[in-house]
């Protein structure tokens, strides 16, 4: 069996279908696609050979995603007093309502005292 640059064997029709479904499903792992195929979970997905599970697609999108990125630059300086620098984050559409029937909450973190208010 010879292997092309794409990382898939040349002599199987299923390998090109696997590559196509890999791209259609947002670059999902080959093992997951073959599993969905054999279980019949996805309508229109052809039955794929289980021997293709071990073949990882080599596509540009996957390679770029796995590249390391440069570290963040260090911040200018820590806050010198309370409330000089406050970090905020909002969490929206919680899976379940709070006791007060709220679906959102806000988190505030003071950089100087590390006081957390939610």
C-alpha atoms as a PDB file:
ATOM      1  CA  UNK A   1       0.000   0.000   0.000  1.00  0.00           C
ATOM      2  CA  UNK A   2       1.492   3.349  -0.991  1.00  0.00           C
ATOM      3  CA  UNK A   3       0.741   6.565   0.826  1.00  0.00           C
ATOM      4  CA  UNK A   4       0.160   9.936  -0.853  1.00  0.00           C
ATOM      5  CA  UNK A   5       1.221  13.339   0.503  1.00  0.00           C
ATOM      6  CA  UNK A   6      -2.250  13.773   1.981  1.00  0.00           C
ATOM      7  CA  UNK A   7      -1.497  10.933   4.403  1.00  0.00           C
ATOM      8  CA  UNK A   8      -4.093   8.561   2.950  1.00  0.00           C
ATOM      9  CA  UNK A   9      -3.408   5.309   1.108  1.00  0.00           C
ATOM     10  CA  UNK A  10      -3.721   5.583  -2.677  1.00  0.00           C
ATOM     11  CA  UNK A  11      -5.393   2.278  -3.329  1.00  0.00           C
ATOM     12  CA  UNK A  12      -8.608   2.688  -1.325  1.00  0.00           C
ATOM     13  CA  UNK A  13     -11.675   4.615  -2.327  1.00  0.00           C
ATOM     14  CA  UNK A  14     -12.571   5.015   1.344  1.00  0.00           C
ATOM     15  CA  UNK A  15      -9.454   7.031   2.101  1.00  0.00           C
ATOM     16  CA  UNK A  16     -10.592   9.930  -0.088  1.00  0.00           C
ATOM     17  CA  UNK A  17     -14.072   9.717   1.443  1.00  0.00           C
ATOM     18  CA  UNK A  18     -12.503   9.791   4.902  1.00  0.00           C
ATOM     19  CA  UNK A  19     -10.529  12.896   3.950  1.00  0.00           C
ATOM     20  CA  UNK A  20     -13.701  14.538   2.606  1.00  0.00           C
ATOM     21  CA  UNK A  21     -15.658  13.746   5.782  1.00  0.00           C
ATOM     22  CA  UNK A  22     -12.700  14.849   7.901  1.00  0.00           C
ATOM     23  CA  UNK A  23     -13.005  18.307   6.328  1.00  0.00           C
ATOM     24  CA  UNK A  24     -16.821  18.359   6.397  1.00  0.00           C
ATOM     25  CA  UNK A  25     -16.902  17.537  10.101  1.00  0.00           C
ATOM     26  CA  UNK A  26     -14.552  20.328  11.151  1.00  0.00           C
ATOM     27  CA  UNK A  27     -11.345  18.238  11.074  1.00  0.00           C
ATOM     28  CA  UNK A  28     -12.669  15.521  13.368  1.00  0.00           C
ATOM     29  CA  UNK A  29     -10.314  12.623  14.150  1.00  0.00           C
ATOM     30  CA  UNK A  30     -10.337   9.671  11.738  1.00  0.00           C
ATOM     31  CA  UNK A  31     -11.202   7.258  14.540  1.00  0.00           C
ATOM     32  CA  UNK A  32     -14.356   9.230  15.389  1.00  0.00           C
ATOM     33  CA  UNK A  33     -15.470   9.436  11.755  1.00  0.00           C
ATOM     34  CA  UNK A  34     -15.003   5.700  11.217  1.00  0.00           C
ATOM     35  CA  UNK A  35     -16.847   5.006  14.477  1.00  0.00           C
ATOM     36  CA  UNK A  36     -19.805   7.160  13.370  1.00  0.00           C
ATOM     37  CA  UNK A  37     -19.738   5.399  10.013  1.00  0.00           C
ATOM     38  CA  UNK A  38     -19.870   1.879  11.445  1.00  0.00           C
ATOM     39  CA  UNK A  39     -22.606   2.797  13.951  1.00  0.00           C
ATOM     40  CA  UNK A  40     -24.662   4.594  11.289  1.00  0.00           C
ATOM     41  CA  UNK A  41     -24.956   7.770  13.389  1.00  0.00           C
ATOM     42  CA  UNK A  42     -24.644  10.261  10.512  1.00  0.00           C
ATOM     43  CA  UNK A  43     -27.111  10.120   7.653  1.00  0.00           C
ATOM     44  CA  UNK A  44     -25.327  10.060   4.291  1.00  0.00           C
ATOM     45  CA  UNK A  45     -21.964   9.005   5.734  1.00  0.00           C
ATOM     46  CA  UNK A  46     -20.828   5.900   3.807  1.00  0.00           C
ATOM     47  CA  UNK A  47     -19.606   2.782   5.605  1.00  0.00           C
ATOM     48  CA  UNK A  48     -15.831   3.163   5.991  1.00  0.00           C
ATOM     49  CA  UNK A  49     -13.256   0.438   6.571  1.00  0.00           C
ATOM     50  CA  UNK A  50     -12.148   0.195  10.230  1.00  0.00           C
ATOM     51  CA  UNK A  51      -8.522  -0.185   9.132  1.00  0.00           C
ATOM     52  CA  UNK A  52      -8.603   3.541   8.275  1.00  0.00           C
ATOM     53  CA  UNK A  53      -8.929   4.503  11.970  1.00  0.00           C
ATOM     54  CA  UNK A  54      -5.176   4.644  12.452  1.00  0.00           C
ATOM     55  CA  UNK A  55      -4.604   6.951   9.494  1.00  0.00           C
ATOM     56  CA  UNK A  56      -4.446  10.539  10.660  1.00  0.00           C
ATOM     57  CA  UNK A  57      -5.267  13.056   7.933  1.00  0.00           C
ATOM     58  CA  UNK A  58      -2.474  15.497   7.156  1.00  0.00           C
ATOM     59  CA  UNK A  59      -4.295  18.611   6.120  1.00  0.00           C
ATOM     60  CA  UNK A  60      -3.167  22.224   6.312  1.00  0.00           C
ATOM     61  CA  UNK A  61      -5.876  23.206   8.798  1.00  0.00           C
ATOM     62  CA  UNK A  62      -4.897  20.478  11.261  1.00  0.00           C
ATOM     63  CA  UNK A  63      -1.200  21.248  10.966  1.00  0.00           C
ATOM     64  CA  UNK A  64      -1.733  24.975  11.545  1.00  0.00           C
ATOM     65  CA  UNK A  65      -3.956  24.322  14.546  1.00  0.00           C
ATOM     66  CA  UNK A  66      -1.322  22.139  16.173  1.00  0.00           C
ATOM     67  CA  UNK A  67       1.471  24.682  15.754  1.00  0.00           C
ATOM     68  CA  UNK A  68       2.808  26.268  18.899  1.00  0.00           C
ATOM     69  CA  UNK A  69       2.174  29.942  19.293  1.00  0.00           C
ATOM     70  CA  UNK A  70       4.388  32.526  20.883  1.00  0.00           C
ATOM     71  CA  UNK A  71       3.851  33.212  24.591  1.00  0.00           C
ATOM     72  CA  UNK A  72       1.989  36.309  25.665  1.00  0.00           C
ATOM     73  CA  UNK A  73       4.094  39.325  26.529  1.00  0.00           C
ATOM     74  CA  UNK A  74       4.311  39.997  30.250  1.00  0.00           C
ATOM     75  CA  UNK A  75       1.852  42.562  31.553  1.00  0.00           C
ATOM     76  CA  UNK A  76       3.091  46.068  32.260  1.00  0.00           C
ATOM     77  CA  UNK A  77       2.906  45.852  36.060  1.00  0.00           C
ATOM     78  CA  UNK A  78       0.738  44.723  38.908  1.00  0.00           C
ATOM     79  CA  UNK A  79      -1.773  47.167  40.306  1.00  0.00           C
ATOM     80  CA  UNK A  80      -0.437  49.436  43.052  1.00  0.00           C
ATOM     81  CA  UNK A  81      -3.725  49.909  44.892  1.00  0.00           C
ATOM     82  CA  UNK A  82      -7.185  48.403  45.245  1.00  0.00           C
ATOM     83  CA  UNK A  83      -9.422  48.800  42.159  1.00  0.00           C
ATOM     84  CA  UNK A  84      -6.595  50.240  40.056  1.00  0.00           C
ATOM     85  CA  UNK A  85      -6.884  47.276  37.690  1.00  0.00           C
ATOM     86  CA  UNK A  86      -9.975  45.051  37.639  1.00  0.00           C
ATOM     87  CA  UNK A  87     -10.399  42.000  35.397  1.00  0.00           C
ATOM     88  CA  UNK A  88     -13.948  41.128  34.317  1.00  0.00           C
ATOM     89  CA  UNK A  89     -15.616  38.132  32.718  1.00  0.00           C
ATOM     90  CA  UNK A  90     -19.262  37.461  31.962  1.00  0.00           C
ATOM     91  CA  UNK A  91     -20.707  33.983  31.719  1.00  0.00           C
ATOM     92  CA  UNK A  92     -23.864  33.828  29.677  1.00  0.00           C
ATOM     93  CA  UNK A  93     -26.694  31.411  29.140  1.00  0.00           C
ATOM     94  CA  UNK A  94     -26.066  28.987  31.959  1.00  0.00           C
ATOM     95  CA  UNK A  95     -27.308  25.427  31.540  1.00  0.00           C
ATOM     96  CA  UNK A  96     -29.610  25.843  34.513  1.00  0.00           C
ATOM     97  CA  UNK A  97     -31.092  28.880  36.198  1.00  0.00           C
ATOM     98  CA  UNK A  98     -29.743  30.061  39.519  1.00  0.00           C
ATOM     99  CA  UNK A  99     -31.894  30.254  42.637  1.00  0.00           C
ATOM    100  CA  UNK A 100     -32.684  33.851  41.681  1.00  0.00           C
ATOM    101  CA  UNK A 101     -33.648  32.681  38.139  1.00  0.00           C
ATOM    102  CA  UNK A 102     -30.615  34.358  36.551  1.00  0.00           C
ATOM    103  CA  UNK A 103     -29.012  32.995  33.389  1.00  0.00           C
ATOM    104  CA  UNK A 104     -25.945  35.282  33.407  1.00  0.00           C
ATOM    105  CA  UNK A 105     -23.302  36.171  35.958  1.00  0.00           C
ATOM    106  CA  UNK A 106     -20.363  38.574  36.105  1.00  0.00           C
ATOM    107  CA  UNK A 107     -17.009  37.833  37.732  1.00  0.00           C
ATOM    108  CA  UNK A 108     -14.788  40.705  38.905  1.00  0.00           C
ATOM    109  CA  UNK A 109     -11.209  40.119  40.097  1.00  0.00           C
ATOM    110  CA  UNK A 110      -9.204  42.920  41.686  1.00  0.00           C
ATOM    111  CA  UNK A 111      -5.574  42.688  40.532  1.00  0.00           C
ATOM    112  CA  UNK A 112      -4.104  44.135  43.748  1.00  0.00           C
ATOM    113  CA  UNK A 113      -6.043  42.244  46.437  1.00  0.00           C
ATOM    114  CA  UNK A 114      -7.103  39.283  44.263  1.00  0.00           C
ATOM    115  CA  UNK A 115     -10.591  39.752  45.673  1.00  0.00           C
ATOM    116  CA  UNK A 116     -13.131  37.862  43.554  1.00  0.00           C
ATOM    117  CA  UNK A 117     -16.709  39.102  43.330  1.00  0.00           C
ATOM    118  CA  UNK A 118     -19.287  37.078  41.393  1.00  0.00           C
END
